Structures are given as C-alpha cells and as structure tokens.
Amino acid sequence: MKSVQRQERPLVDDVSLDSSSLKGSFIDESKNRRKDEAPTIAKKETKAVFWWKVILLAVLLFSTLSVALAVYFYTTNSEINSFEDQFGNDAVKLLESIGSTLDISLGSIDSFLVTAASFAHYSNMTWPFVTIVSESVCYHERDLIQF
C-alpha cells in the first residue's frame, strides 16, 4: 500500500495575509451573493413590470371607455336636438299646408254656395230645389250679379 502523506495546513497565525488576498476573498464573496440575489431581483422586477402593465391596461381601458361614453352622449344629445328641431319645422309646415288647404277648400265652398244662391235668385227657384245647369253658367251668373 502506498502511504498517503498528509500535508499539514498552516494555522491562521502562520499565514501571512496581505491586502490583495483580502480583496479577492471579498470580491468572490460579493459575486456569490449577487448570484444568489439575482433570481430574487429578477422575480421582483418581473412582478413590478407585470403590475405596471396591469396599471397601463387599466388606464387605457378607462380612457377608452371615457372617450367612448363622452362621444356617445354628445352624439345622442345632438341627434335628439336635431330630431326635435326637424320635427318642429315639419309640424309647422304640415299645419301651414293644412291651413292653406282648408282656406282654399272653404273659399271654394263659399264660392259655390254664392253661385248657387245667385243662380236660385236669378232663376226664381226656391231653396233647396236649386239645380245649377253648368259650371260656365255659374261663373257667368256670378259675374252678372256682381256682389
């Protein structure tokens, strides 16, 4: 068997420590600490980025919804006002048209009754037994009587 010689390690008192060996041990230790902290920092940063994305999405949704509602209510009110104005204008035109038609109709009835009464008076007929012979006679009779 081979004999394994054991080397004795020097005790701390025996080792001479210089400044460069201390710096190296601190650097190695800080690198190891950074390696251990890197996954936790990455998890924290990932979580922070996720929450910023959620906040940004909420702000975008809120602003989109706000603008959409503002446009909806503005256009709805505008359409209602436009409809009411147009309805009022159309109602006035309709009433004016009905009024003028009624005036014309009542004028025609009045003219016809004047002609019938004039014809009855001219031809010595008694009312209601008045027969108007023709329209031209009616106009001629009306011109002759001259009210």
Protein backbone atom coordinates (compact mmCIF):
# COMPACT_ATOMS: atom_id res chain seq x y z
CA MET A 1 0.00 0.00 0.00
CA LYS A 2 1.00 3.33 -0.71
CA SER A 3 1.20 5.61 2.09
CA VAL A 4 -0.50 8.85 1.71
CA GLN A 5 1.29 11.64 3.25
CA ARG A 6 -0.81 14.19 4.75
CA GLN A 7 0.11 17.76 4.40
CA GLU A 8 -0.48 19.90 7.30
CA ARG A 9 -2.24 23.11 6.79
CA PRO A 10 -0.78 26.10 8.36
CA LEU A 11 -2.79 27.78 11.05
CA VAL A 12 -4.10 31.28 10.57
CA ASP A 13 -1.34 32.63 12.74
CA ASP A 14 1.21 31.09 10.47
CA VAL A 15 -0.27 32.52 7.27
CA SER A 16 0.70 35.97 6.32
CA LEU A 17 -2.29 37.91 4.98
CA ASP A 18 -1.71 40.64 2.55
CA SER A 19 -4.23 43.19 1.22
CA SER A 20 -4.58 41.63 -2.23
CA SER A 21 -5.70 38.27 -0.87
CA LEU A 22 -8.33 40.01 1.32
CA LYS A 23 -9.70 41.96 -1.63
CA GLY A 24 -10.02 38.78 -3.68
CA SER A 25 -11.92 36.98 -0.95
CA PHE A 26 -14.37 39.94 -0.57
CA ILE A 27 -14.89 40.12 -4.34
CA ASP A 28 -15.55 36.38 -4.54
CA GLU A 29 -17.96 36.60 -1.65
CA SER A 30 -19.86 39.57 -3.21
CA LYS A 31 -20.07 37.74 -6.56
CA ASN A 32 -21.55 34.72 -4.80
CA ARG A 33 -24.02 36.99 -3.00
CA ARG A 34 -25.02 38.65 -6.31
CA LYS A 35 -25.54 35.23 -7.88
CA ASP A 36 -27.85 34.31 -5.02
CA GLU A 37 -29.72 37.64 -5.18
CA ALA A 38 -30.11 37.66 -9.00
CA PRO A 39 -33.12 35.30 -9.12
CA THR A 40 -34.92 37.19 -6.35
CA ILE A 41 -34.24 40.57 -8.00
CA ALA A 42 -35.45 39.19 -11.35
CA LYS A 43 -38.64 37.91 -9.70
CA LYS A 44 -39.24 41.29 -8.07
CA GLU A 45 -38.61 43.13 -11.33
CA THR A 46 -40.86 40.74 -13.25
CA LYS A 47 -43.63 41.27 -10.70
CA ALA A 48 -43.15 45.06 -10.87
CA VAL A 49 -43.26 45.02 -14.69
CA PHE A 50 -46.44 42.91 -14.54
CA TRP A 51 -48.17 45.38 -12.23
CA TRP A 52 -47.09 48.33 -14.41
CA LYS A 53 -48.61 46.54 -17.38
CA VAL A 54 -51.84 45.99 -15.43
CA ILE A 55 -51.93 49.68 -14.41
CA LEU A 56 -51.27 50.78 -18.00
CA LEU A 57 -54.00 48.47 -19.29
CA ALA A 58 -56.43 49.87 -16.69
CA VAL A 59 -55.56 53.46 -17.65
CA LEU A 60 -56.01 52.68 -21.36
CA LEU A 61 -59.34 50.94 -20.74
CA PHE A 62 -60.55 53.80 -18.55
CA SER A 63 -59.57 56.46 -21.06
CA THR A 64 -61.09 54.49 -23.96
CA LEU A 65 -64.32 53.99 -22.06
CA SER A 66 -64.42 57.65 -21.03
CA VAL A 67 -63.93 58.90 -24.58
CA ALA A 68 -66.46 56.42 -25.97
CA LEU A 69 -69.10 57.44 -23.42
CA ALA A 70 -68.44 61.14 -23.97
CA VAL A 71 -68.81 60.74 -27.74
CA TYR A 72 -71.94 58.60 -27.29
CA PHE A 73 -73.69 61.08 -25.02
CA TYR A 74 -72.66 64.07 -27.16
CA THR A 75 -73.92 62.49 -30.39
CA THR A 76 -77.08 61.19 -28.72
CA ASN A 77 -77.95 64.64 -27.39
CA SER A 78 -77.06 66.19 -30.74
CA GLU A 79 -79.28 63.72 -32.59
CA ILE A 80 -82.17 64.27 -30.17
CA ASN A 81 -81.91 68.04 -30.51
CA SER A 82 -81.67 67.77 -34.30
CA PHE A 83 -84.68 65.45 -34.39
CA GLU A 84 -86.76 67.77 -32.18
CA ASP A 85 -85.86 70.79 -34.34
CA GLN A 86 -86.67 68.93 -37.55
CA PHE A 87 -89.91 67.60 -36.08
CA GLY A 88 -90.95 71.12 -35.04
CA ASN A 89 -90.17 72.50 -38.50
CA ASP A 90 -92.06 69.67 -40.20
CA ALA A 91 -95.04 70.14 -37.87
CA VAL A 92 -95.18 73.86 -38.69
CA LYS A 93 -95.00 73.11 -42.43
CA LEU A 94 -97.74 70.49 -42.09
CA LEU A 95 -100.02 72.83 -40.16
CA GLU A 96 -99.41 75.63 -42.68
CA SER A 97 -100.21 73.25 -45.52
CA ILE A 98 -103.40 72.04 -43.81
CA GLY A 99 -104.37 75.63 -43.05
CA SER A 100 -103.88 76.80 -46.63
CA THR A 101 -105.72 73.75 -47.99
CA LEU A 102 -108.56 74.42 -45.56
CA ASP A 103 -108.68 78.07 -46.60
CA ILE A 104 -108.80 77.10 -50.27
CA SER A 105 -111.49 74.46 -49.61
CA LEU A 106 -113.64 76.81 -47.57
CA GLY A 107 -113.18 79.51 -50.23
CA SER A 108 -114.31 77.09 -52.93
CA ILE A 109 -117.35 76.02 -50.89
CA ASP A 110 -118.20 79.64 -50.22
CA SER A 111 -117.89 80.49 -53.91
CA PHE A 112 -120.07 77.53 -54.88
CA LEU A 113 -122.76 78.47 -52.36
CA VAL A 114 -122.73 82.08 -53.55
CA THR A 115 -123.09 80.86 -57.11
CA ALA A 116 -125.93 78.51 -56.18
CA ALA A 117 -127.74 81.22 -54.24
CA SER A 118 -127.25 83.69 -57.07
CA PHE A 119 -128.49 81.18 -59.63
CA ALA A 120 -131.50 80.41 -57.45
CA HIS A 121 -132.29 84.10 -57.10
CA TYR A 122 -131.81 84.78 -60.82
CA SER A 123 -133.87 81.81 -61.99
CA ASN A 124 -136.64 82.26 -59.37
CA MET A 125 -136.01 78.83 -57.78
CA THR A 126 -136.65 78.07 -54.14
CA TRP A 127 -134.04 76.58 -51.90
CA PRO A 128 -133.17 73.57 -51.70
CA PHE A 129 -134.56 72.79 -55.14
CA VAL A 130 -131.78 74.62 -56.99
CA THR A 131 -130.09 72.91 -59.93
CA ILE A 132 -127.06 74.51 -61.49
CA VAL A 133 -127.06 73.80 -65.21
CA SER A 134 -123.35 74.07 -65.95
CA GLU A 135 -120.20 75.45 -64.49
CA SER A 136 -119.91 78.09 -67.19
CA VAL A 137 -123.40 79.31 -66.35
CA CYS A 138 -122.42 79.52 -62.70
CA TYR A 139 -119.41 81.67 -63.48
CA HIS A 140 -121.45 83.77 -65.88
CA GLU A 141 -124.23 84.24 -63.33
CA ARG A 142 -121.74 85.20 -60.66
CA ASP A 143 -120.27 87.82 -62.96
CA LEU A 144 -123.76 89.17 -63.75
CA ILE A 145 -124.91 89.54 -60.17
CA GLN A 146 -121.80 91.46 -59.04
CA PHE A 147 -121.96 91.35 -55.28
